[in-house]
Amino acid sequence: MLKPNNAWTWYFDTESESLMLDLGDDMLFRVAISAKHLIPDAFSESPFSVEDASLFQSMTDTLSCLDLSAPRRAELALNAVAAYRFHKPILPKSWFFDPQLEPLSAPECGQVVELQSQAGDRAPFLIIENAGSASLCMLAREADFQLSDNKTLAFCGAIKVMNDRLSQFIPQTNNRKGRFALVG
């Protein structure tokens, strides 16, 4: 399990045009946010703060309900921290999603929700930030999410949607191996 420490450092790598997190011990993490969606602060070196570490731990705990391996949960949590800290404000793209009969009115940062696209795809998303009537969400499924017939969103991809598109996420129970008998 990845444990944050005060040696971790955010920096922008001009060669790969990517925000990176130096984890020490010759380990680097490449953030999944494109350079055009980063705020100016992302282009200056800065330490992984106590707030970053707290958010990372909170996200990691929340993501345990997802059917992802521990390394993929860590990847999602680090991308979520980067998005929370460095993602530019963007406009909602709610037209890709169906309004919900029982939407979540006040989703919280770190909450896992579900979105259903008009293309018929359904997947869990992690709330990065709630801006009142809309939230920045990050895809929390490894398989691409079908937004429309010709547009997809990749794992850790961020999109902002109106909160009336969000619904409660109900984790799938793992398939249990073996047979059970009813008794009594």
C-alpha atoms as a PDB file:
ATOM      1  CA  MET A   1       0.000   0.000   0.000  1.00  0.00           C
ATOM      2  CA  LEU A   2       1.218   3.462  -0.874  1.00  0.00           C
ATOM      3  CA  LYS A   3       1.919   5.672   2.144  1.00  0.00           C
ATOM      4  CA  PRO A   4       2.266   9.422   1.524  1.00  0.00           C
ATOM      5  CA  ASN A   5       5.277  11.179   2.996  1.00  0.00           C
ATOM      6  CA  ASN A   6       6.802  14.650   3.004  1.00  0.00           C
ATOM      7  CA  ALA A   7       9.282  13.737   0.243  1.00  0.00           C
ATOM      8  CA  TRP A   8       6.548  13.437  -2.405  1.00  0.00           C
ATOM      9  CA  THR A   9       6.605  16.326  -4.893  1.00  0.00           C
ATOM     10  CA  TRP A  10       4.286  17.517  -7.661  1.00  0.00           C
ATOM     11  CA  TYR A  11       6.011  18.866 -10.781  1.00  0.00           C
ATOM     12  CA  PHE A  12       5.275  19.369 -14.461  1.00  0.00           C
ATOM     13  CA  ASP A  13       7.441  17.362 -16.875  1.00  0.00           C
ATOM     14  CA  THR A  14       7.862  19.431 -20.037  1.00  0.00           C
ATOM     15  CA  GLU A  15       9.203  16.478 -22.048  1.00  0.00           C
ATOM     16  CA  SER A  16       6.066  14.363 -21.572  1.00  0.00           C
ATOM     17  CA  GLU A  17       3.832  17.440 -21.076  1.00  0.00           C
ATOM     18  CA  SER A  18       2.376  15.799 -17.969  1.00  0.00           C
ATOM     19  CA  LEU A  19       1.863  16.597 -14.329  1.00  0.00           C
ATOM     20  CA  MET A  20       3.938  14.134 -12.320  1.00  0.00           C
ATOM     21  CA  LEU A  21       4.204  13.113  -8.700  1.00  0.00           C
ATOM     22  CA  ASP A  22       7.676  12.105  -7.540  1.00  0.00           C
ATOM     23  CA  LEU A  23       7.097   9.379  -4.941  1.00  0.00           C
ATOM     24  CA  GLY A  24      10.790   8.964  -4.077  1.00  0.00           C
ATOM     25  CA  ASP A  25      12.740   5.696  -4.381  1.00  0.00           C
ATOM     26  CA  ASP A  26      12.892   6.214  -8.168  1.00  0.00           C
ATOM     27  CA  MET A  27       9.079   5.992  -8.463  1.00  0.00           C
ATOM     28  CA  LEU A  28       7.106   8.490 -10.539  1.00  0.00           C
ATOM     29  CA  PHE A  29       3.365   8.786 -11.004  1.00  0.00           C
ATOM     30  CA  ARG A  30       2.014  10.347 -14.197  1.00  0.00           C
ATOM     31  CA  VAL A  31      -1.297  12.160 -13.658  1.00  0.00           C
ATOM     32  CA  ALA A  32      -4.078  11.416 -16.159  1.00  0.00           C
ATOM     33  CA  ILE A  33      -5.148  15.069 -16.578  1.00  0.00           C
ATOM     34  CA  SER A  34      -4.125  16.669 -19.881  1.00  0.00           C
ATOM     35  CA  ALA A  35      -1.964  19.802 -19.650  1.00  0.00           C
ATOM     36  CA  LYS A  36      -4.719  21.973 -21.160  1.00  0.00           C
ATOM     37  CA  HIS A  37      -6.951  21.219 -18.137  1.00  0.00           C
ATOM     38  CA  LEU A  38      -4.375  22.221 -15.512  1.00  0.00           C
ATOM     39  CA  ILE A  39      -4.372  25.471 -13.551  1.00  0.00           C
ATOM     40  CA  PRO A  40      -1.163  27.582 -13.636  1.00  0.00           C
ATOM     41  CA  ASP A  41      -0.048  26.308 -10.192  1.00  0.00           C
ATOM     42  CA  ALA A  42       0.397  22.830 -11.691  1.00  0.00           C
ATOM     43  CA  PHE A  43       3.354  24.068 -13.726  1.00  0.00           C
ATOM     44  CA  SER A  44       5.405  24.910 -10.616  1.00  0.00           C
ATOM     45  CA  GLU A  45       7.000  22.374  -8.298  1.00  0.00           C
ATOM     46  CA  SER A  46       5.151  21.947  -5.001  1.00  0.00           C
ATOM     47  CA  PRO A  47       5.179  19.469  -2.123  1.00  0.00           C
ATOM     48  CA  PHE A  48       2.518  16.833  -1.584  1.00  0.00           C
ATOM     49  CA  SER A  49       0.804  18.654   1.286  1.00  0.00           C
ATOM     50  CA  VAL A  50      -0.796  17.415   4.480  1.00  0.00           C
ATOM     51  CA  GLU A  51      -4.166  18.210   2.857  1.00  0.00           C
ATOM     52  CA  ASP A  52      -3.186  16.106  -0.173  1.00  0.00           C
ATOM     53  CA  ALA A  53      -2.223  13.207   2.104  1.00  0.00           C
ATOM     54  CA  SER A  54      -5.480  13.470   4.050  1.00  0.00           C
ATOM     55  CA  LEU A  55      -7.542  13.539   0.833  1.00  0.00           C
ATOM     56  CA  PHE A  56      -5.554  10.602  -0.567  1.00  0.00           C
ATOM     57  CA  GLN A  57      -6.246   8.537   2.555  1.00  0.00           C
ATOM     58  CA  SER A  58      -9.934   9.482   2.552  1.00  0.00           C
ATOM     59  CA  MET A  59     -10.279   8.607  -1.161  1.00  0.00           C
ATOM     60  CA  THR A  60      -8.425   5.316  -0.695  1.00  0.00           C
ATOM     61  CA  ASP A  61     -10.806   4.316   2.108  1.00  0.00           C
ATOM     62  CA  THR A  62     -13.870   5.264   0.040  1.00  0.00           C
ATOM     63  CA  LEU A  63     -12.677   3.346  -3.027  1.00  0.00           C
ATOM     64  CA  SER A  64     -12.533   0.034  -1.177  1.00  0.00           C
ATOM     65  CA  CYS A  65     -16.172  -0.538  -2.233  1.00  0.00           C
ATOM     66  CA  LEU A  66     -15.112  -0.739  -5.900  1.00  0.00           C
ATOM     67  CA  ASP A  67     -14.107  -3.858  -7.783  1.00  0.00           C
ATOM     68  CA  LEU A  68     -10.579  -2.576  -8.453  1.00  0.00           C
ATOM     69  CA  SER A  69      -7.179  -3.939  -7.470  1.00  0.00           C
ATOM     70  CA  ALA A  70      -5.251  -2.069  -4.764  1.00  0.00           C
ATOM     71  CA  PRO A  71      -2.825  -0.526  -7.325  1.00  0.00           C
ATOM     72  CA  ARG A  72      -5.743   0.714  -9.470  1.00  0.00           C
ATOM     73  CA  ARG A  73      -7.468   2.193  -6.380  1.00  0.00           C
ATOM     74  CA  ALA A  74      -4.203   4.005  -5.518  1.00  0.00           C
ATOM     75  CA  GLU A  75      -3.980   5.275  -9.114  1.00  0.00           C
ATOM     76  CA  LEU A  76      -7.553   6.541  -8.969  1.00  0.00           C
ATOM     77  CA  ALA A  77      -6.988   8.188  -5.572  1.00  0.00           C
ATOM     78  CA  LEU A  78      -3.799   9.959  -6.736  1.00  0.00           C
ATOM     79  CA  ASN A  79      -5.539  11.182  -9.897  1.00  0.00           C
ATOM     80  CA  ALA A  80      -8.449  12.393  -7.753  1.00  0.00           C
ATOM     81  CA  VAL A  81      -6.107  14.346  -5.460  1.00  0.00           C
ATOM     82  CA  ALA A  82      -4.404  15.877  -8.518  1.00  0.00           C
ATOM     83  CA  ALA A  83      -7.776  16.822 -10.026  1.00  0.00           C
ATOM     84  CA  TYR A  84      -8.989  18.334  -6.745  1.00  0.00           C
ATOM     85  CA  ARG A  85      -5.857  20.445  -6.483  1.00  0.00           C
ATOM     86  CA  PHE A  86      -4.930  21.239 -10.106  1.00  0.00           C
ATOM     87  CA  HIS A  87      -7.925  20.764 -12.470  1.00  0.00           C
ATOM     88  CA  LYS A  88      -9.211  23.919 -14.192  1.00  0.00           C
ATOM     89  CA  PRO A  89     -12.875  24.780 -13.735  1.00  0.00           C
ATOM     90  CA  ILE A  90     -14.868  23.398 -16.662  1.00  0.00           C
ATOM     91  CA  LEU A  91     -18.446  23.647 -17.870  1.00  0.00           C
ATOM     92  CA  PRO A  92     -20.879  20.760 -17.344  1.00  0.00           C
ATOM     93  CA  LYS A  93     -21.404  18.281 -20.180  1.00  0.00           C
ATOM     94  CA  SER A  94     -24.667  16.929 -18.856  1.00  0.00           C
ATOM     95  CA  TRP A  95     -26.165  16.210 -22.283  1.00  0.00           C
ATOM     96  CA  PHE A  96     -24.321  12.871 -22.298  1.00  0.00           C
ATOM     97  CA  PHE A  97     -26.268  11.656 -19.241  1.00  0.00           C
ATOM     98  CA  ASP A  98     -29.830  10.836 -18.343  1.00  0.00           C
ATOM     99  CA  PRO A  99     -31.564  12.867 -15.611  1.00  0.00           C
ATOM    100  CA  GLN A 100     -32.369  10.661 -12.618  1.00  0.00           C
ATOM    101  CA  LEU A 101     -35.749  10.210 -10.937  1.00  0.00           C
ATOM    102  CA  GLU A 102     -34.078  10.313  -7.511  1.00  0.00           C
ATOM    103  CA  PRO A 103     -30.927  12.406  -8.045  1.00  0.00           C
ATOM    104  CA  LEU A 104     -28.353  13.176  -5.365  1.00  0.00           C
ATOM    105  CA  SER A 105     -28.849  16.815  -4.456  1.00  0.00           C
ATOM    106  CA  ALA A 106     -25.658  17.363  -2.457  1.00  0.00           C
ATOM    107  CA  PRO A 107     -22.902  14.880  -3.360  1.00  0.00           C
ATOM    108  CA  GLU A 108     -19.727  15.198  -1.295  1.00  0.00           C
ATOM    109  CA  CYS A 109     -16.082  15.154  -2.344  1.00  0.00           C
ATOM    110  CA  GLY A 110     -14.891  11.552  -2.278  1.00  0.00           C
ATOM    111  CA  GLN A 111     -18.349  10.029  -2.630  1.00  0.00           C
ATOM    112  CA  VAL A 112     -18.834   7.280  -5.214  1.00  0.00           C
ATOM    113  CA  VAL A 113     -21.923   7.861  -7.369  1.00  0.00           C
ATOM    114  CA  GLU A 114     -23.347   6.319 -10.515  1.00  0.00           C
ATOM    115  CA  LEU A 115     -23.914   7.916 -13.902  1.00  0.00           C
ATOM    116  CA  GLN A 116     -25.840   6.518 -16.840  1.00  0.00           C
ATOM    117  CA  SER A 117     -25.097   7.805 -20.318  1.00  0.00           C
ATOM    118  CA  GLN A 118     -27.693   8.273 -23.007  1.00  0.00           C
ATOM    119  CA  ALA A 119     -25.686   5.637 -24.919  1.00  0.00           C
ATOM    120  CA  GLY A 120     -26.820   3.146 -22.258  1.00  0.00           C
ATOM    121  CA  ASP A 121     -23.583   2.753 -20.301  1.00  0.00           C
ATOM    122  CA  ARG A 122     -23.649   2.834 -16.501  1.00  0.00           C
ATOM    123  CA  ALA A 123     -20.596   3.169 -14.228  1.00  0.00           C
ATOM    124  CA  PRO A 124     -19.324   4.403 -10.869  1.00  0.00           C
ATOM    125  CA  PHE A 125     -17.755   7.855 -10.690  1.00  0.00           C
ATOM    126  CA  LEU A 126     -15.872   9.542  -7.873  1.00  0.00           C
ATOM    127  CA  ILE A 127     -16.953  13.056  -6.868  1.00  0.00           C
ATOM    128  CA  ILE A 128     -13.942  15.361  -6.993  1.00  0.00           C
ATOM    129  CA  GLU A 129     -15.747  18.607  -6.264  1.00  0.00           C
ATOM    130  CA  ASN A 130     -19.359  19.740  -5.857  1.00  0.00           C
ATOM    131  CA  ALA A 131     -19.844  23.267  -7.211  1.00  0.00           C
ATOM    132  CA  GLY A 132     -23.449  23.659  -6.056  1.00  0.00           C
ATOM    133  CA  SER A 133     -25.591  22.460  -8.950  1.00  0.00           C
ATOM    134  CA  ALA A 134     -22.870  20.500 -10.769  1.00  0.00           C
ATOM    135  CA  SER A 135     -20.002  18.210  -9.780  1.00  0.00           C
ATOM    136  CA  LEU A 136     -16.624  17.307 -11.226  1.00  0.00           C
ATOM    137  CA  CYS A 137     -16.603  13.496 -11.455  1.00  0.00           C
ATOM    138  CA  MET A 138     -13.886  10.954 -12.279  1.00  0.00           C
ATOM    139  CA  LEU A 139     -14.557   7.590 -13.932  1.00  0.00           C
ATOM    140  CA  ALA A 140     -13.927   4.839 -11.357  1.00  0.00           C
ATOM    141  CA  ARG A 141     -14.092   1.845 -13.715  1.00  0.00           C
ATOM    142  CA  GLU A 142     -11.221   0.392 -15.730  1.00  0.00           C
ATOM    143  CA  ALA A 143     -13.231  -0.110 -18.913  1.00  0.00           C
ATOM    144  CA  ASP A 144     -13.898   2.964 -21.062  1.00  0.00           C
ATOM    145  CA  PHE A 145     -17.253   4.663 -20.487  1.00  0.00           C
ATOM    146  CA  GLN A 146     -19.442   5.115 -23.580  1.00  0.00           C
ATOM    147  CA  LEU A 147     -20.606   8.762 -23.537  1.00  0.00           C
ATOM    148  CA  SER A 148     -22.118   8.598 -27.044  1.00  0.00           C
ATOM    149  CA  ASP A 149     -21.832   6.494 -30.187  1.00  0.00           C
ATOM    150  CA  ASN A 150     -18.444   8.021 -31.010  1.00  0.00           C
ATOM    151  CA  LYS A 151     -17.117   9.408 -27.707  1.00  0.00           C
ATOM    152  CA  THR A 152     -15.702   7.574 -24.691  1.00  0.00           C
ATOM    153  CA  LEU A 153     -14.155   8.485 -21.357  1.00  0.00           C
ATOM    154  CA  ALA A 154     -11.132   6.515 -20.086  1.00  0.00           C
ATOM    155  CA  PHE A 155     -10.367   5.312 -16.550  1.00  0.00           C
ATOM    156  CA  CYS A 156      -9.686   8.363 -14.331  1.00  0.00           C
ATOM    157  CA  GLY A 157     -11.190  10.669 -16.956  1.00  0.00           C
ATOM    158  CA  ALA A 158     -12.869  13.726 -15.441  1.00  0.00           C
ATOM    159  CA  ILE A 159     -16.140  15.283 -16.535  1.00  0.00           C
ATOM    160  CA  LYS A 160     -18.442  17.846 -14.941  1.00  0.00           C
ATOM    161  CA  VAL A 161     -22.175  17.104 -14.843  1.00  0.00           C
ATOM    162  CA  MET A 162     -25.277  18.596 -13.281  1.00  0.00           C
ATOM    163  CA  ASN A 163     -26.143  16.941  -9.984  1.00  0.00           C
ATOM    164  CA  ASP A 164     -29.581  15.880 -11.283  1.00  0.00           C
ATOM    165  CA  ARG A 165     -27.694  13.280 -13.385  1.00  0.00           C
ATOM    166  CA  LEU A 166     -26.081  11.600 -10.360  1.00  0.00           C
ATOM    167  CA  SER A 167     -27.609   8.605  -8.630  1.00  0.00           C
ATOM    168  CA  GLN A 168     -26.640   6.541  -5.628  1.00  0.00           C
ATOM    169  CA  PHE A 169     -23.960   3.931  -6.262  1.00  0.00           C
ATOM    170  CA  ILE A 170     -24.811   0.471  -4.991  1.00  0.00           C
ATOM    171  CA  PRO A 171     -21.725  -1.776  -4.956  1.00  0.00           C
ATOM    172  CA  GLN A 172     -22.036  -5.120  -6.693  1.00  0.00           C
ATOM    173  CA  THR A 173     -21.568  -8.000  -4.315  1.00  0.00           C
ATOM    174  CA  ASN A 174     -18.722 -10.257  -5.341  1.00  0.00           C
ATOM    175  CA  ASN A 175     -19.799 -13.556  -6.804  1.00  0.00           C
ATOM    176  CA  ARG A 176     -19.291 -16.123  -4.088  1.00  0.00           C
ATOM    177  CA  LYS A 177     -17.742 -19.394  -5.082  1.00  0.00           C
ATOM    178  CA  GLY A 178     -19.365 -22.580  -3.964  1.00  0.00           C
ATOM    179  CA  ARG A 179     -22.910 -23.626  -3.370  1.00  0.00           C
ATOM    180  CA  PHE A 180     -25.140 -22.809  -0.454  1.00  0.00           C
ATOM    181  CA  ALA A 181     -28.139 -24.715   0.774  1.00  0.00           C
ATOM    182  CA  LEU A 182     -31.176 -23.294   2.493  1.00  0.00           C
ATOM    183  CA  VAL A 183     -31.748 -24.862   5.862  1.00  0.00           C
ATOM    184  CA  GLY A 184     -34.507 -24.632   8.346  1.00  0.00           C
END
